């Protein structure tokens, strides 16, 4: 496991996404089965297969941000 491994059992982070630490760990295990992450206990790190999708994630984020900005502009009138 690398130093960049994230704690996926953090109860505060789980509250932020409105779920339980157990659910986050289960999702991590599913991603590990799919070969996207390495999970050891409550720590996980992204594998090359997940990192290869970074461009897609960033593009999706930019589209969502643009839509949010349009919504805010509309609300401001």
N, C-alpha and C. Protein backbone atom coordinates (compact mmCIF):
# COMPACT_ATOMS: atom_id res chain seq x y z
N UNK A 1 0.86 -1.17 0.00
CA UNK A 1 0.00 0.00 0.00
C UNK A 1 0.90 1.23 0.00
N UNK A 2 0.53 2.23 -0.76
CA UNK A 2 1.33 3.43 -0.87
C UNK A 2 0.98 4.43 0.23
N UNK A 3 1.85 5.44 0.37
CA UNK A 3 1.58 6.50 1.35
C UNK A 3 0.34 7.30 0.96
N UNK A 4 -0.04 7.24 -0.31
CA UNK A 4 -1.20 8.02 -0.77
C UNK A 4 -2.52 7.27 -0.54
N UNK A 5 -2.46 6.13 0.11
CA UNK A 5 -3.68 5.38 0.39
C UNK A 5 -4.61 6.20 1.27
N UNK A 6 -5.88 6.17 0.93
CA UNK A 6 -6.88 6.94 1.67
C UNK A 6 -7.57 6.06 2.70
N UNK A 7 -7.94 6.66 3.80
CA UNK A 7 -8.71 5.97 4.85
C UNK A 7 -10.16 5.94 4.40
N UNK A 8 -10.65 4.78 4.05
CA UNK A 8 -12.03 4.67 3.56
C UNK A 8 -13.01 4.30 4.67
N UNK A 9 -12.52 4.24 5.90
CA UNK A 9 -13.40 3.93 7.02
C UNK A 9 -13.69 5.15 7.89
N UNK A 10 -13.36 6.34 7.38
CA UNK A 10 -13.51 7.58 8.15
C UNK A 10 -14.99 7.91 8.35
N UNK A 11 -15.48 7.90 9.59
CA UNK A 11 -16.89 8.17 9.84
C UNK A 11 -17.31 9.60 9.47
N UNK A 12 -16.40 10.56 9.59
CA UNK A 12 -16.73 11.94 9.22
C UNK A 12 -16.95 12.06 7.73
N UNK A 13 -16.07 11.46 6.95
CA UNK A 13 -16.24 11.48 5.49
C UNK A 13 -17.52 10.76 5.08
N UNK A 14 -17.86 9.69 5.77
CA UNK A 14 -19.09 8.96 5.48
C UNK A 14 -20.31 9.83 5.70
N UNK A 15 -20.29 10.62 6.78
CA UNK A 15 -21.40 11.54 7.04
C UNK A 15 -21.54 12.56 5.91
N UNK A 16 -20.41 13.02 5.39
CA UNK A 16 -20.41 14.02 4.32
C UNK A 16 -21.15 13.51 3.08
N UNK A 17 -21.01 12.23 2.79
CA UNK A 17 -21.70 11.65 1.62
C UNK A 17 -22.97 10.89 2.04
N UNK A 18 -23.40 11.13 3.28
CA UNK A 18 -24.66 10.60 3.81
C UNK A 18 -24.78 9.08 3.71
N UNK A 19 -23.74 8.40 4.21
CA UNK A 19 -23.76 6.94 4.26
C UNK A 19 -23.00 6.49 5.51
N UNK A 20 -22.70 5.23 5.58
CA UNK A 20 -21.97 4.69 6.72
C UNK A 20 -20.56 4.30 6.31
N UNK A 21 -19.63 4.25 7.27
CA UNK A 21 -18.29 3.77 6.94
C UNK A 21 -18.31 2.36 6.35
N UNK A 22 -19.22 1.52 6.83
CA UNK A 22 -19.32 0.15 6.32
C UNK A 22 -19.68 0.16 4.84
N UNK A 23 -20.59 1.05 4.44
CA UNK A 23 -21.00 1.13 3.04
C UNK A 23 -19.84 1.60 2.17
N UNK A 24 -19.08 2.58 2.64
CA UNK A 24 -17.92 3.07 1.89
C UNK A 24 -16.89 1.95 1.72
N UNK A 25 -16.65 1.20 2.79
CA UNK A 25 -15.70 0.08 2.69
C UNK A 25 -16.20 -0.97 1.71
N UNK A 26 -17.50 -1.25 1.71
CA UNK A 26 -18.07 -2.22 0.77
C UNK A 26 -17.88 -1.74 -0.67
N UNK A 27 -18.11 -0.47 -0.91
CA UNK A 27 -17.89 0.07 -2.26
C UNK A 27 -16.42 -0.07 -2.65
N UNK A 28 -15.53 0.18 -1.71
CA UNK A 28 -14.10 0.00 -1.97
C UNK A 28 -13.77 -1.43 -2.33
N UNK A 29 -14.37 -2.38 -1.61
CA UNK A 29 -14.13 -3.80 -1.93
C UNK A 29 -14.64 -4.14 -3.33
N UNK A 30 -15.78 -3.58 -3.71
CA UNK A 30 -16.32 -3.83 -5.06
C UNK A 30 -15.40 -3.26 -6.13
N UNK A 31 -14.86 -2.07 -5.88
CA UNK A 31 -13.91 -1.49 -6.84
C UNK A 31 -12.63 -2.31 -6.91
N UNK A 32 -12.23 -2.89 -5.79
CA UNK A 32 -11.05 -3.75 -5.77
C UNK A 32 -11.29 -5.01 -6.60
N UNK A 33 -12.48 -5.59 -6.47
CA UNK A 33 -12.83 -6.78 -7.27
C UNK A 33 -12.77 -6.45 -8.75
N UNK A 34 -13.17 -5.23 -9.11
CA UNK A 34 -13.14 -4.79 -10.50
C UNK A 34 -11.74 -4.39 -10.97
N UNK A 35 -10.77 -4.47 -10.07
CA UNK A 35 -9.39 -4.14 -10.42
C UNK A 35 -9.07 -2.66 -10.45
N UNK A 36 -9.95 -1.85 -9.87
CA UNK A 36 -9.75 -0.41 -9.91
C UNK A 36 -9.00 0.14 -8.70
N UNK A 37 -9.02 -0.59 -7.59
CA UNK A 37 -8.34 -0.15 -6.38
C UNK A 37 -7.68 -1.33 -5.69
N UNK A 38 -6.77 -0.98 -4.80
CA UNK A 38 -6.20 -1.94 -3.88
C UNK A 38 -6.70 -1.55 -2.50
N UNK A 39 -7.29 -2.49 -1.78
CA UNK A 39 -7.83 -2.22 -0.45
C UNK A 39 -7.13 -3.12 0.55
N UNK A 40 -6.64 -2.50 1.61
CA UNK A 40 -6.04 -3.23 2.72
C UNK A 40 -6.65 -2.68 3.99
N UNK A 41 -7.51 -3.47 4.61
CA UNK A 41 -8.19 -3.01 5.82
C UNK A 41 -9.09 -1.84 5.49
N UNK A 42 -8.83 -0.71 6.14
CA UNK A 42 -9.64 0.49 5.92
C UNK A 42 -8.91 1.51 5.05
N UNK A 43 -7.86 1.09 4.36
CA UNK A 43 -7.11 1.99 3.49
C UNK A 43 -7.19 1.48 2.06
N UNK A 44 -7.27 2.42 1.11
CA UNK A 44 -7.38 2.06 -0.30
C UNK A 44 -6.57 3.02 -1.15
N UNK A 45 -6.09 2.50 -2.27
CA UNK A 45 -5.40 3.35 -3.23
C UNK A 45 -5.84 2.96 -4.64
N UNK A 46 -5.83 3.93 -5.52
CA UNK A 46 -6.27 3.71 -6.90
C UNK A 46 -5.22 2.91 -7.66
N UNK A 47 -5.70 2.02 -8.50
CA UNK A 47 -4.83 1.26 -9.39
C UNK A 47 -4.73 2.00 -10.72
N UNK A 48 -3.84 1.55 -11.59
CA UNK A 48 -3.63 2.19 -12.89
C UNK A 48 -4.93 2.24 -13.71
N UNK A 49 -5.77 1.20 -13.58
CA UNK A 49 -7.02 1.16 -14.35
C UNK A 49 -7.94 2.32 -13.96
N UNK A 50 -7.97 2.68 -12.70
CA UNK A 50 -8.79 3.81 -12.25
C UNK A 50 -8.13 5.13 -12.65
N UNK A 51 -6.84 5.22 -12.47
CA UNK A 51 -6.12 6.45 -12.81
C UNK A 51 -6.23 6.75 -14.31
N UNK A 52 -6.34 5.71 -15.13
CA UNK A 52 -6.47 5.90 -16.58
C UNK A 52 -7.77 6.60 -16.94
N UNK A 53 -8.72 6.63 -16.03
CA UNK A 53 -10.01 7.28 -16.28
C UNK A 53 -10.04 8.72 -15.79
N UNK A 54 -8.92 9.25 -15.34
CA UNK A 54 -8.86 10.60 -14.77
C UNK A 54 -9.38 11.65 -15.74
N UNK A 55 -9.01 11.55 -17.01
CA UNK A 55 -9.46 12.53 -17.99
C UNK A 55 -10.98 12.57 -18.10
N UNK A 56 -11.60 11.39 -18.09
CA UNK A 56 -13.07 11.31 -18.17
C UNK A 56 -13.70 11.93 -16.93
N UNK A 57 -13.17 11.62 -15.75
CA UNK A 57 -13.70 12.19 -14.51
C UNK A 57 -13.60 13.71 -14.53
N UNK A 58 -12.46 14.22 -14.99
CA UNK A 58 -12.26 15.66 -15.02
C UNK A 58 -13.20 16.32 -16.03
N UNK A 59 -13.42 15.68 -17.17
CA UNK A 59 -14.34 16.22 -18.16
C UNK A 59 -15.76 16.24 -17.61
N UNK A 60 -16.16 15.17 -16.94
CA UNK A 60 -17.49 15.11 -16.32
C UNK A 60 -17.66 16.20 -15.28
N UNK A 61 -16.59 16.44 -14.51
CA UNK A 61 -16.64 17.48 -13.49
C UNK A 61 -16.80 18.86 -14.13
N UNK A 62 -16.08 19.11 -15.22
CA UNK A 62 -16.19 20.41 -15.90
C UNK A 62 -17.59 20.63 -16.44
N UNK A 63 -18.21 19.59 -17.01
CA UNK A 63 -19.58 19.70 -17.52
C UNK A 63 -20.54 20.00 -16.37
N UNK A 64 -20.41 19.28 -15.27
CA UNK A 64 -21.29 19.50 -14.11
C UNK A 64 -21.11 20.90 -13.55
N UNK A 65 -19.88 21.39 -13.49
CA UNK A 65 -19.61 22.73 -12.99
C UNK A 65 -20.23 23.78 -13.90
N UNK A 66 -20.11 23.59 -15.20
CA UNK A 66 -20.70 24.53 -16.16
C UNK A 66 -22.22 24.57 -16.00
N UNK A 67 -22.84 23.41 -15.81
CA UNK A 67 -24.29 23.36 -15.60
C UNK A 67 -24.68 24.07 -14.31
N UNK A 68 -23.89 23.89 -13.27
CA UNK A 68 -24.17 24.56 -11.99
C UNK A 68 -24.03 26.07 -12.14
N UNK A 69 -23.01 26.52 -12.87
CA UNK A 69 -22.82 27.94 -13.09
C UNK A 69 -23.98 28.54 -13.88
N UNK A 70 -24.50 27.80 -14.88
CA UNK A 70 -25.67 28.27 -15.64
C UNK A 70 -26.87 28.41 -14.72
N UNK A 71 -27.06 27.42 -13.84
CA UNK A 71 -28.19 27.46 -12.90
C UNK A 71 -28.09 28.68 -11.99
N UNK A 72 -26.89 28.95 -11.49
CA UNK A 72 -26.70 30.10 -10.60
C UNK A 72 -26.92 31.40 -11.36
N UNK A 73 -26.47 31.47 -12.61
CA UNK A 73 -26.69 32.69 -13.42
C UNK A 73 -28.16 32.91 -13.63
N UNK A 74 -28.92 31.85 -13.90
CA UNK A 74 -30.36 31.95 -14.08
C UNK A 74 -31.04 32.44 -12.80
N UNK A 75 -30.63 31.90 -11.66
CA UNK A 75 -31.22 32.27 -10.39
C UNK A 75 -30.94 33.72 -10.03
N UNK A 76 -29.77 34.22 -10.45
CA UNK A 76 -29.42 35.62 -10.17
C UNK A 76 -30.21 36.57 -11.08
N UNK A 77 -30.71 36.03 -12.19
CA UNK A 77 -31.51 36.82 -13.12
C UNK A 77 -30.68 37.53 -14.05
